[in-house]
PDB file of N, CA and C in Angstrom:
ATOM      1  N   MET A   1       6.684  -5.417  24.186  1.00  0.00           N
ATOM      2  CA  MET A   1       6.470  -3.996  24.299  1.00  0.00           C
ATOM      3  C   MET A   1       6.474  -3.329  22.927  1.00  0.00           C
ATOM      4  N   PRO A   2       5.371  -3.362  22.226  1.00  0.00           N
ATOM      5  CA  PRO A   2       5.334  -2.782  20.895  1.00  0.00           C
ATOM      6  C   PRO A   2       5.608  -1.281  20.887  1.00  0.00           C
ATOM      7  N   GLY A   3       5.161  -0.541  21.894  1.00  0.00           N
ATOM      8  CA  GLY A   3       5.397   0.897  21.946  1.00  0.00           C
ATOM      9  C   GLY A   3       6.867   1.232  22.085  1.00  0.00           C
ATOM     10  N   TRP A   4       7.595   0.430  22.833  1.00  0.00           N
ATOM     11  CA  TRP A   4       9.022   0.638  23.060  1.00  0.00           C
ATOM     12  C   TRP A   4       9.809   0.441  21.769  1.00  0.00           C
ATOM     13  N   THR A   5       9.543  -0.632  21.055  1.00  0.00           N
ATOM     14  CA  THR A   5      10.277  -0.883  19.806  1.00  0.00           C
ATOM     15  C   THR A   5       9.933   0.154  18.745  1.00  0.00           C
ATOM     16  N   SER A   6       8.698   0.588  18.724  1.00  0.00           N
ATOM     17  CA  SER A   6       8.295   1.624  17.772  1.00  0.00           C
ATOM     18  C   SER A   6       9.033   2.928  18.062  1.00  0.00           C
ATOM     19  N   SER A   7       9.184   3.247  19.333  1.00  0.00           N
ATOM     20  CA  SER A   7       9.902   4.455  19.733  1.00  0.00           C
ATOM     21  C   SER A   7      11.371   4.384  19.327  1.00  0.00           C
ATOM     22  N   ILE A   8      11.994   3.231  19.513  1.00  0.00           N
ATOM     23  CA  ILE A   8      13.402   3.042  19.123  1.00  0.00           C
ATOM     24  C   ILE A   8      13.546   3.210  17.609  1.00  0.00           C
ATOM     25  N   LYS A   9      12.654   2.581  16.849  1.00  0.00           N
ATOM     26  CA  LYS A   9      12.708   2.696  15.388  1.00  0.00           C
ATOM     27  C   LYS A   9      12.547   4.146  14.946  1.00  0.00           C
ATOM     28  N   ARG A  10      11.605   4.841  15.568  1.00  0.00           N
ATOM     29  CA  ARG A  10      11.356   6.231  15.199  1.00  0.00           C
ATOM     30  C   ARG A  10      12.582   7.097  15.493  1.00  0.00           C
ATOM     31  N   ARG A  11      13.183   6.914  16.665  1.00  0.00           N
ATOM     32  CA  ARG A  11      14.371   7.703  17.031  1.00  0.00           C
ATOM     33  C   ARG A  11      15.556   7.391  16.126  1.00  0.00           C
ATOM     34  N   ALA A  12      15.756   6.113  15.807  1.00  0.00           N
ATOM     35  CA  ALA A  12      16.850   5.733  14.907  1.00  0.00           C
ATOM     36  C   ALA A  12      16.645   6.366  13.534  1.00  0.00           C
ATOM     37  N   GLY A  13      15.424   6.351  13.059  1.00  0.00           N
ATOM     38  CA  GLY A  13      15.112   6.968  11.774  1.00  0.00           C
ATOM     39  C   GLY A  13      15.365   8.460  11.777  1.00  0.00           C
ATOM     40  N   GLU A  14      15.022   9.119  12.894  1.00  0.00           N
ATOM     41  CA  GLU A  14      15.272  10.556  13.008  1.00  0.00           C
ATOM     42  C   GLU A  14      16.765  10.850  13.011  1.00  0.00           C
ATOM     43  N   MET A  15      17.536  10.044  13.758  1.00  0.00           N
ATOM     44  CA  MET A  15      18.986  10.250  13.831  1.00  0.00           C
ATOM     45  C   MET A  15      19.654  10.040  12.473  1.00  0.00           C
ATOM     46  N   LEU A  16      19.160   9.070  11.717  1.00  0.00           N
ATOM     47  CA  LEU A  16      19.731   8.776  10.402  1.00  0.00           C
ATOM     48  C   LEU A  16      19.077   9.592   9.288  1.00  0.00           C
ATOM     49  N   ARG A  17      18.110  10.424   9.674  1.00  0.00           N
ATOM     50  CA  ARG A  17      17.376  11.282   8.736  1.00  0.00           C
ATOM     51  C   ARG A  17      16.687  10.476   7.634  1.00  0.00           C
ATOM     52  N   LEU A  18      16.068   9.382   8.054  1.00  0.00           N
ATOM     53  CA  LEU A  18      15.306   8.544   7.131  1.00  0.00           C
ATOM     54  C   LEU A  18      13.839   8.946   7.183  1.00  0.00           C
ATOM     55  N   PRO A  19      13.116   8.820   6.080  1.00  0.00           N
ATOM     56  CA  PRO A  19      11.675   9.097   6.126  1.00  0.00           C
ATOM     57  C   PRO A  19      10.971   8.055   6.999  1.00  0.00           C
ATOM     58  N   PRO A  20       9.898   8.443   7.689  1.00  0.00           N
ATOM     59  CA  PRO A  20       9.207   7.522   8.604  1.00  0.00           C
ATOM     60  C   PRO A  20       8.771   6.207   7.956  1.00  0.00           C
ATOM     61  N   ASP A  21       8.347   6.247   6.687  1.00  0.00           N
ATOM     62  CA  ASP A  21       7.877   5.018   6.054  1.00  0.00           C
ATOM     63  C   ASP A  21       9.013   4.043   5.752  1.00  0.00           C
ATOM     64  N   ALA A  22      10.261   4.504   5.793  1.00  0.00           N
ATOM     65  CA  ALA A  22      11.390   3.603   5.576  1.00  0.00           C
ATOM     66  C   ALA A  22      11.710   2.804   6.831  1.00  0.00           C
ATOM     67  N   VAL A  23      11.336   3.324   7.993  1.00  0.00           N
ATOM     68  CA  VAL A  23      11.656   2.686   9.267  1.00  0.00           C
ATOM     69  C   VAL A  23      10.485   1.864   9.788  1.00  0.00           C
ATOM     70  N   GLU A  24       9.294   2.402   9.688  1.00  0.00           N
ATOM     71  CA  GLU A  24       8.108   1.720  10.192  1.00  0.00           C
ATOM     72  C   GLU A  24       7.364   1.066   9.039  1.00  0.00           C
ATOM     73  N   SER A  25       6.521   0.116   9.360  1.00  0.00           N
ATOM     74  CA  SER A  25       5.753  -0.570   8.315  1.00  0.00           C
ATOM     75  C   SER A  25       4.505   0.246   7.982  1.00  0.00           C
ATOM     76  N   VAL A  26       4.667   1.163   7.044  1.00  0.00           N
ATOM     77  CA  VAL A  26       3.598   2.056   6.624  1.00  0.00           C
ATOM     78  C   VAL A  26       3.218   1.699   5.193  1.00  0.00           C
ATOM     79  N   ALA A  27       1.939   1.625   4.930  1.00  0.00           N
ATOM     80  CA  ALA A  27       1.481   1.325   3.571  1.00  0.00           C
ATOM     81  C   ALA A  27       1.705   2.543   2.678  1.00  0.00           C
ATOM     82  N   ARG A  28       1.980   2.256   1.399  1.00  0.00           N
ATOM     83  CA  ARG A  28       2.211   3.336   0.445  1.00  0.00           C
ATOM     84  C   ARG A  28       1.602   2.937  -0.893  1.00  0.00           C
ATOM     85  N   VAL A  29       0.917   3.882  -1.526  1.00  0.00           N
ATOM     86  CA  VAL A  29       0.371   3.677  -2.867  1.00  0.00           C
ATOM     87  C   VAL A  29       1.080   4.658  -3.793  1.00  0.00           C
ATOM     88  N   THR A  30       1.729   4.127  -4.831  1.00  0.00           N
ATOM     89  CA  THR A  30       2.458   4.952  -5.791  1.00  0.00           C
ATOM     90  C   THR A  30       1.820   4.768  -7.159  1.00  0.00           C
ATOM     91  N   LEU A  31       1.512   5.875  -7.798  1.00  0.00           N
ATOM     92  CA  LEU A  31       0.910   5.844  -9.127  1.00  0.00           C
ATOM     93  C   LEU A  31       1.725   6.747 -10.042  1.00  0.00           C
ATOM     94  N   VAL A  32       2.319   6.148 -11.067  1.00  0.00           N
ATOM     95  CA  VAL A  32       3.084   6.898 -12.062  1.00  0.00           C
ATOM     96  C   VAL A  32       2.575   6.463 -13.427  1.00  0.00           C
ATOM     97  N   GLY A  33       1.890   7.374 -14.099  1.00  0.00           N
ATOM     98  CA  GLY A  33       1.295   7.025 -15.385  1.00  0.00           C
ATOM     99  C   GLY A  33       0.277   5.909 -15.202  1.00  0.00           C
ATOM    100  N   ASP A  34       0.455   4.814 -15.924  1.00  0.00           N
ATOM    101  CA  ASP A  34      -0.443   3.660 -15.815  1.00  0.00           C
ATOM    102  C   ASP A  34       0.082   2.586 -14.872  1.00  0.00           C
ATOM    103  N   HIS A  35       1.183   2.867 -14.169  1.00  0.00           N
ATOM    104  CA  HIS A  35       1.793   1.883 -13.272  1.00  0.00           C
ATOM    105  C   HIS A  35       1.401   2.180 -11.831  1.00  0.00           C
ATOM    106  N   LEU A  36       0.910   1.165 -11.146  1.00  0.00           N
ATOM    107  CA  LEU A  36       0.435   1.276  -9.777  1.00  0.00           C
ATOM    108  C   LEU A  36       1.220   0.308  -8.907  1.00  0.00           C
ATOM    109  N   ILE A  37       1.748   0.809  -7.784  1.00  0.00           N
ATOM    110  CA  ILE A  37       2.447  -0.042  -6.821  1.00  0.00           C
ATOM    111  C   ILE A  37       1.809   0.185  -5.462  1.00  0.00           C
ATOM    112  N   ILE A  38       1.394  -0.900  -4.828  1.00  0.00           N
ATOM    113  CA  ILE A  38       0.820  -0.839  -3.491  1.00  0.00           C
ATOM    114  C   ILE A  38       1.781  -1.578  -2.575  1.00  0.00           C
ATOM    115  N   GLU A  39       2.434  -0.837  -1.673  1.00  0.00           N
ATOM    116  CA  GLU A  39       3.386  -1.428  -0.740  1.00  0.00           C
ATOM    117  C   GLU A  39       2.735  -1.555   0.630  1.00  0.00           C
ATOM    118  N   GLY A  40       3.082  -2.584   1.356  1.00  0.00           N
ATOM    119  CA  GLY A  40       2.525  -2.798   2.684  1.00  0.00           C
ATOM    120  C   GLY A  40       1.142  -3.410   2.658  1.00  0.00           C
ATOM    121  N   ALA A  41       0.754  -3.978   1.537  1.00  0.00           N
ATOM    122  CA  ALA A  41      -0.567  -4.603   1.424  1.00  0.00           C
ATOM    123  C   ALA A  41      -0.605  -5.893   2.233  1.00  0.00           C
ATOM    124  N   LYS A  42      -1.656  -6.069   2.985  1.00  0.00           N
ATOM    125  CA  LYS A  42      -1.845  -7.293   3.769  1.00  0.00           C
ATOM    126  C   LYS A  42      -2.551  -8.364   2.943  1.00  0.00           C
ATOM    127  N   ALA A  43      -3.481  -7.930   2.088  1.00  0.00           N
ATOM    128  CA  ALA A  43      -4.246  -8.891   1.283  1.00  0.00           C
ATOM    129  C   ALA A  43      -4.847  -8.198   0.069  1.00  0.00           C
ATOM    130  N   LEU A  44      -4.970  -8.951  -0.995  1.00  0.00           N
ATOM    131  CA  LEU A  44      -5.663  -8.505  -2.202  1.00  0.00           C
ATOM    132  C   LEU A  44      -7.091  -9.027  -2.078  1.00  0.00           C
ATOM    133  N   LEU A  45      -8.049  -8.138  -1.847  1.00  0.00           N
ATOM    134  CA  LEU A  45      -9.423  -8.543  -1.557  1.00  0.00           C
ATOM    135  C   LEU A  45     -10.273  -8.732  -2.807  1.00  0.00           C
ATOM    136  N   GLU A  46     -10.016  -7.911  -3.825  1.00  0.00           N
ATOM    137  CA  GLU A  46     -10.816  -8.006  -5.052  1.00  0.00           C
ATOM    138  C   GLU A  46      -9.974  -7.537  -6.227  1.00  0.00           C
ATOM    139  N   ILE A  47     -10.095  -8.245  -7.332  1.00  0.00           N
ATOM    140  CA  ILE A  47      -9.386  -7.852  -8.541  1.00  0.00           C
ATOM    141  C   ILE A  47     -10.260  -8.148  -9.749  1.00  0.00           C
ATOM    142  N   SER A  48     -10.368  -7.167 -10.617  1.00  0.00           N
ATOM    143  CA  SER A  48     -11.028  -7.343 -11.910  1.00  0.00           C
ATOM    144  C   SER A  48     -10.349  -6.377 -12.870  1.00  0.00           C
ATOM    145  N   SER A  49     -10.764  -6.371 -14.104  1.00  0.00           N
ATOM    146  CA  SER A  49     -10.149  -5.456 -15.067  1.00  0.00           C
ATOM    147  C   SER A  49     -10.524  -4.002 -14.785  1.00  0.00           C
ATOM    148  N   GLN A  50     -11.530  -3.792 -13.892  1.00  0.00           N
ATOM    149  CA  GLN A  50     -11.982  -2.435 -13.596  1.00  0.00           C
ATOM    150  C   GLN A  50     -11.878  -2.046 -12.126  1.00  0.00           C
ATOM    151  N   ARG A  51     -11.418  -2.973 -11.268  1.00  0.00           N
ATOM    152  CA  ARG A  51     -11.411  -2.669  -9.832  1.00  0.00           C
ATOM    153  C   ARG A  51     -10.347  -3.484  -9.108  1.00  0.00           C
ATOM    154  N   ILE A  52      -9.627  -2.815  -8.192  1.00  0.00           N
ATOM    155  CA  ILE A  52      -8.670  -3.470  -7.300  1.00  0.00           C
ATOM    156  C   ILE A  52      -8.987  -2.995  -5.890  1.00  0.00           C
ATOM    157  N   VAL A  53      -9.108  -3.929  -4.951  1.00  0.00           N
ATOM    158  CA  VAL A  53      -9.344  -3.594  -3.549  1.00  0.00           C
ATOM    159  C   VAL A  53      -8.299  -4.328  -2.721  1.00  0.00           C
ATOM    160  N   CYS A  54      -7.560  -3.574  -1.890  1.00  0.00           N
ATOM    161  CA  CYS A  54      -6.490  -4.154  -1.077  1.00  0.00           C
ATOM    162  C   CYS A  54      -6.665  -3.783   0.384  1.00  0.00           C
ATOM    163  N   ASP A  55      -6.367  -4.736   1.256  1.00  0.00           N
ATOM    164  CA  ASP A  55      -6.338  -4.507   2.696  1.00  0.00           C
ATOM    165  C   ASP A  55      -4.949  -3.992   3.056  1.00  0.00           C
ATOM    166  N   LEU A  56      -4.885  -2.803   3.665  1.00  0.00           N
ATOM    167  CA  LEU A  56      -3.615  -2.228   4.095  1.00  0.00           C
ATOM    168  C   LEU A  56      -3.425  -2.352   5.598  1.00  0.00           C
ATOM    169  N   GLY A  57      -4.275  -3.112   6.258  1.00  0.00           N
ATOM    170  CA  GLY A  57      -4.185  -3.279   7.703  1.00  0.00           C
ATOM    171  C   GLY A  57      -5.165  -2.368   8.413  1.00  0.00           C
ATOM    172  N   ASP A  58      -4.837  -1.086   8.501  1.00  0.00           N
ATOM    173  CA  ASP A  58      -5.724  -0.136   9.173  1.00  0.00           C
ATOM    174  C   ASP A  58      -6.712   0.522   8.217  1.00  0.00           C
ATOM    175  N   ARG A  59      -6.510   0.317   6.922  1.00  0.00           N
ATOM    176  CA  ARG A  59      -7.391   0.885   5.902  1.00  0.00           C
ATOM    177  C   ARG A  59      -7.531  -0.079   4.732  1.00  0.00           C
ATOM    178  N   VAL A  60      -8.522   0.192   3.909  1.00  0.00           N
ATOM    179  CA  VAL A  60      -8.714  -0.559   2.665  1.00  0.00           C
ATOM    180  C   VAL A  60      -8.648   0.455   1.530  1.00  0.00           C
ATOM    181  N   VAL A  61      -7.874   0.153   0.494  1.00  0.00           N
ATOM    182  CA  VAL A  61      -7.779   1.049  -0.656  1.00  0.00           C
ATOM    183  C   VAL A  61      -8.621   0.468  -1.787  1.00  0.00           C
ATOM    184  N   HIS A  62      -9.454   1.321  -2.387  1.00  0.00           N
ATOM    185  CA  HIS A  62     -10.316   0.959  -3.513  1.00  0.00           C
ATOM    186  C   HIS A  62      -9.818   1.728  -4.732  1.00  0.00           C
ATOM    187  N   ILE A  63      -9.483   1.008  -5.787  1.00  0.00           N
ATOM    188  CA  ILE A  63      -8.978   1.632  -7.003  1.00  0.00           C
ATOM    189  C   ILE A  63      -9.888   1.221  -8.146  1.00  0.00           C
ATOM    190  N   GLU A  64     -10.412   2.201  -8.859  1.00  0.00           N
ATOM    191  CA  GLU A  64     -11.298   1.924  -9.987  1.00  0.00           C
ATOM    192  C   GLU A  64     -10.710   2.524 -11.248  1.00  0.00           C
ATOM    193  N   GLY A  65     -10.896   1.821 -12.365  1.00  0.00           N
ATOM    194  CA  GLY A  65     -10.364   2.295 -13.631  1.00  0.00           C
ATOM    195  C   GLY A  65     -10.641   1.309 -14.748  1.00  0.00           C
ATOM    196  N   ASP A  66      -9.707   1.221 -15.677  1.00  0.00           N
ATOM    197  CA  ASP A  66      -9.881   0.372 -16.856  1.00  0.00           C
ATOM    198  C   ASP A  66      -8.622  -0.437 -17.137  1.00  0.00           C
ATOM    199  N   ALA A  67      -8.821  -1.624 -17.669  1.00  0.00           N
ATOM    200  CA  ALA A  67      -7.748  -2.480 -18.197  1.00  0.00           C
ATOM    201  C   ALA A  67      -6.680  -2.816 -17.168  1.00  0.00           C
ATOM    202  N   PHE A  68      -7.086  -3.083 -15.914  1.00  0.00           N
ATOM    203  CA  PHE A  68      -6.106  -3.459 -14.898  1.00  0.00           C
ATOM    204  C   PHE A  68      -5.559  -4.852 -15.161  1.00  0.00           C
ATOM    205  N   VAL A  69      -4.252  -4.969 -15.035  1.00  0.00           N
ATOM    206  CA  VAL A  69      -3.566  -6.253 -15.131  1.00  0.00           C
ATOM    207  C   VAL A  69      -2.572  -6.304 -13.978  1.00  0.00           C
ATOM    208  N   ILE A  70      -2.647  -7.355 -13.169  1.00  0.00           N
ATOM    209  CA  ILE A  70      -1.697  -7.544 -12.076  1.00  0.00           C
ATOM    210  C   ILE A  70      -0.402  -8.084 -12.665  1.00  0.00           C
ATOM    211  N   LYS A  71       0.703  -7.404 -12.384  1.00  0.00           N
ATOM    212  CA  LYS A  71       2.006  -7.812 -12.910  1.00  0.00           C
ATOM    213  C   LYS A  71       2.833  -8.573 -11.884  1.00  0.00           C
ATOM    214  N   LEU A  72       2.663  -8.245 -10.590  1.00  0.00           N
ATOM    215  CA  LEU A  72       3.476  -8.864  -9.543  1.00  0.00           C
ATOM    216  C   LEU A  72       2.719  -8.833  -8.229  1.00  0.00           C
ATOM    217  N   VAL A  73       2.761  -9.936  -7.507  1.00  0.00           N
ATOM    218  CA  VAL A  73       2.214  -9.996  -6.155  1.00  0.00           C
ATOM    219  C   VAL A  73       3.248 -10.684  -5.281  1.00  0.00           C
ATOM    220  N   THR A  74       3.684  -9.995  -4.213  1.00  0.00           N
ATOM    221  CA  THR A  74       4.574 -10.599  -3.227  1.00  0.00           C
ATOM    222  C   THR A  74       3.856 -10.551  -1.888  1.00  0.00           C
ATOM    223  N   ASP A  75       4.545 -10.947  -0.837  1.00  0.00           N
ATOM    224  CA  ASP A  75       3.909 -10.932   0.475  1.00  0.00           C
ATOM    225  C   ASP A  75       3.638  -9.512   0.975  1.00  0.00           C
ATOM    226  N   ARG A  76       4.258  -8.483   0.396  1.00  0.00           N
ATOM    227  CA  ARG A  76       4.056  -7.112   0.856  1.00  0.00           C
ATOM    228  C   ARG A  76       3.787  -6.094  -0.253  1.00  0.00           C
ATOM    229  N   GLU A  77       3.843  -6.507  -1.524  1.00  0.00           N
ATOM    230  CA  GLU A  77       3.660  -5.558  -2.623  1.00  0.00           C
ATOM    231  C   GLU A  77       2.748  -6.113  -3.698  1.00  0.00           C
ATOM    232  N   ILE A  78       2.057  -5.191  -4.353  1.00  0.00           N
ATOM    233  CA  ILE A  78       1.238  -5.534  -5.512  1.00  0.00           C
ATOM    234  C   ILE A  78       1.561  -4.511  -6.598  1.00  0.00           C
ATOM    235  N   HIS A  79       1.925  -4.996  -7.773  1.00  0.00           N
ATOM    236  CA  HIS A  79       2.205  -4.128  -8.919  1.00  0.00           C
ATOM    237  C   HIS A  79       1.140  -4.406  -9.975  1.00  0.00           C
ATOM    238  N   ALA A  80       0.582  -3.339 -10.525  1.00  0.00           N
ATOM    239  CA  ALA A  80      -0.443  -3.477 -11.562  1.00  0.00           C
ATOM    240  C   ALA A  80      -0.264  -2.369 -12.592  1.00  0.00           C
ATOM    241  N   VAL A  81      -0.828  -2.593 -13.757  1.00  0.00           N
ATOM    242  CA  VAL A  81      -0.884  -1.550 -14.783  1.00  0.00           C
ATOM    243  C   VAL A  81      -2.339  -1.400 -15.208  1.00  0.00           C
ATOM    244  N   GLY A  82      -2.682  -0.217 -15.650  1.00  0.00           N
ATOM    245  CA  GLY A  82      -4.036   0.083 -16.090  1.00  0.00           C
ATOM    246  C   GLY A  82      -4.326   1.553 -15.856  1.00  0.00           C
ATOM    247  N   ARG A  83      -5.434   2.004 -16.356  1.00  0.00           N
ATOM    248  CA  ARG A  83      -5.796   3.416 -16.219  1.00  0.00           C
ATOM    249  C   ARG A  83      -6.614   3.620 -14.948  1.00  0.00           C
ATOM    250  N   VAL A  84      -6.080   4.372 -13.999  1.00  0.00           N
ATOM    251  CA  VAL A  84      -6.765   4.652 -12.736  1.00  0.00           C
ATOM    252  C   VAL A  84      -7.659   5.872 -12.926  1.00  0.00           C
ATOM    253  N   ARG A  85      -8.932   5.700 -12.585  1.00  0.00           N
ATOM    254  CA  ARG A  85      -9.893   6.805 -12.680  1.00  0.00           C
ATOM    255  C   ARG A  85     -10.288   7.333 -11.302  1.00  0.00           C
ATOM    256  N   HIS A  86     -10.229   6.449 -10.289  1.00  0.00           N
ATOM    257  CA  HIS A  86     -10.640   6.858  -8.940  1.00  0.00           C
ATOM    258  C   HIS A  86      -9.896   6.016  -7.915  1.00  0.00           C
ATOM    259  N   LEU A  87      -9.424   6.675  -6.855  1.00  0.00           N
ATOM    260  CA  LEU A  87      -8.734   5.993  -5.763  1.00  0.00           C
ATOM    261  C   LEU A  87      -9.298   6.527  -4.455  1.00  0.00           C
ATOM    262  N   SER A  88      -9.678   5.620  -3.544  1.00  0.00           N
ATOM    263  CA  SER A  88     -10.207   6.061  -2.256  1.00  0.00           C
ATOM    264  C   SER A  88      -9.784   5.091  -1.163  1.00  0.00           C
ATOM    265  N   PHE A  89      -9.781   5.606   0.067  1.00  0.00           N
ATOM    266  CA  PHE A  89      -9.424   4.801   1.228  1.00  0.00           C
ATOM    267  C   PHE A  89     -10.643   4.669   2.120  1.00  0.00           C
ATOM    268  N   GLY A  90     -10.862   3.450   2.626  1.00  0.00           N
ATOM    269  CA  GLY A  90     -11.976   3.199   3.517  1.00  0.00           C
ATOM    270  C   GLY A  90     -11.484   2.833   4.901  1.00  0.00           C
ATOM    271  N   GLY A  91     -12.404   2.466   5.768  1.00  0.00           N
ATOM    272  CA  GLY A  91     -12.091   2.108   7.141  1.00  0.00           C
ATOM    273  C   GLY A  91     -11.233   0.874   7.259  1.00  0.00           C
ATOM    274  N   GLY A  92     -11.121   0.367   8.482  1.00  0.00           N
ATOM    275  CA  GLY A  92     -10.231  -0.732   8.834  1.00  0.00           C
ATOM    276  C   GLY A  92     -10.274  -1.930   7.918  1.00  0.00           C
ATOM    277  N   GLY A  93      -9.124  -2.578   7.831  1.00  0.00           N
ATOM    278  CA  GLY A  93      -8.985  -3.757   6.980  1.00  0.00           C
ATOM    279  C   GLY A  93      -9.514  -5.004   7.636  1.00  0.00           C
ATOM    280  N   VAL A  94      -9.213  -6.125   7.014  1.00  0.00           N
ATOM    281  CA  VAL A  94      -9.712  -7.424   7.459  1.00  0.00           C
ATOM    282  C   VAL A  94      -9.010  -7.857   8.714  1.00  0.00           C
TER     283      VAL A  94
END
């Protein structure tokens, strides 16, 4: 019962006053200066010095810029540095 467990998680998060993304598996893209963190990534679809494309499950994030270097890849996070010039979200992932 996926709907039931999601409801329990949501209610527990509300009672503990936690943000929704801390309780549920929600993708998040954080950009601070030249540092980029993509949390909740399902797959790294494309990487070059000028482009990063990641599958977030329900969406695909396209990041374009210059001098991208991947610093860390785990099963749920991707950390990169480089100058971001454009970020967009597309339809469903893989």
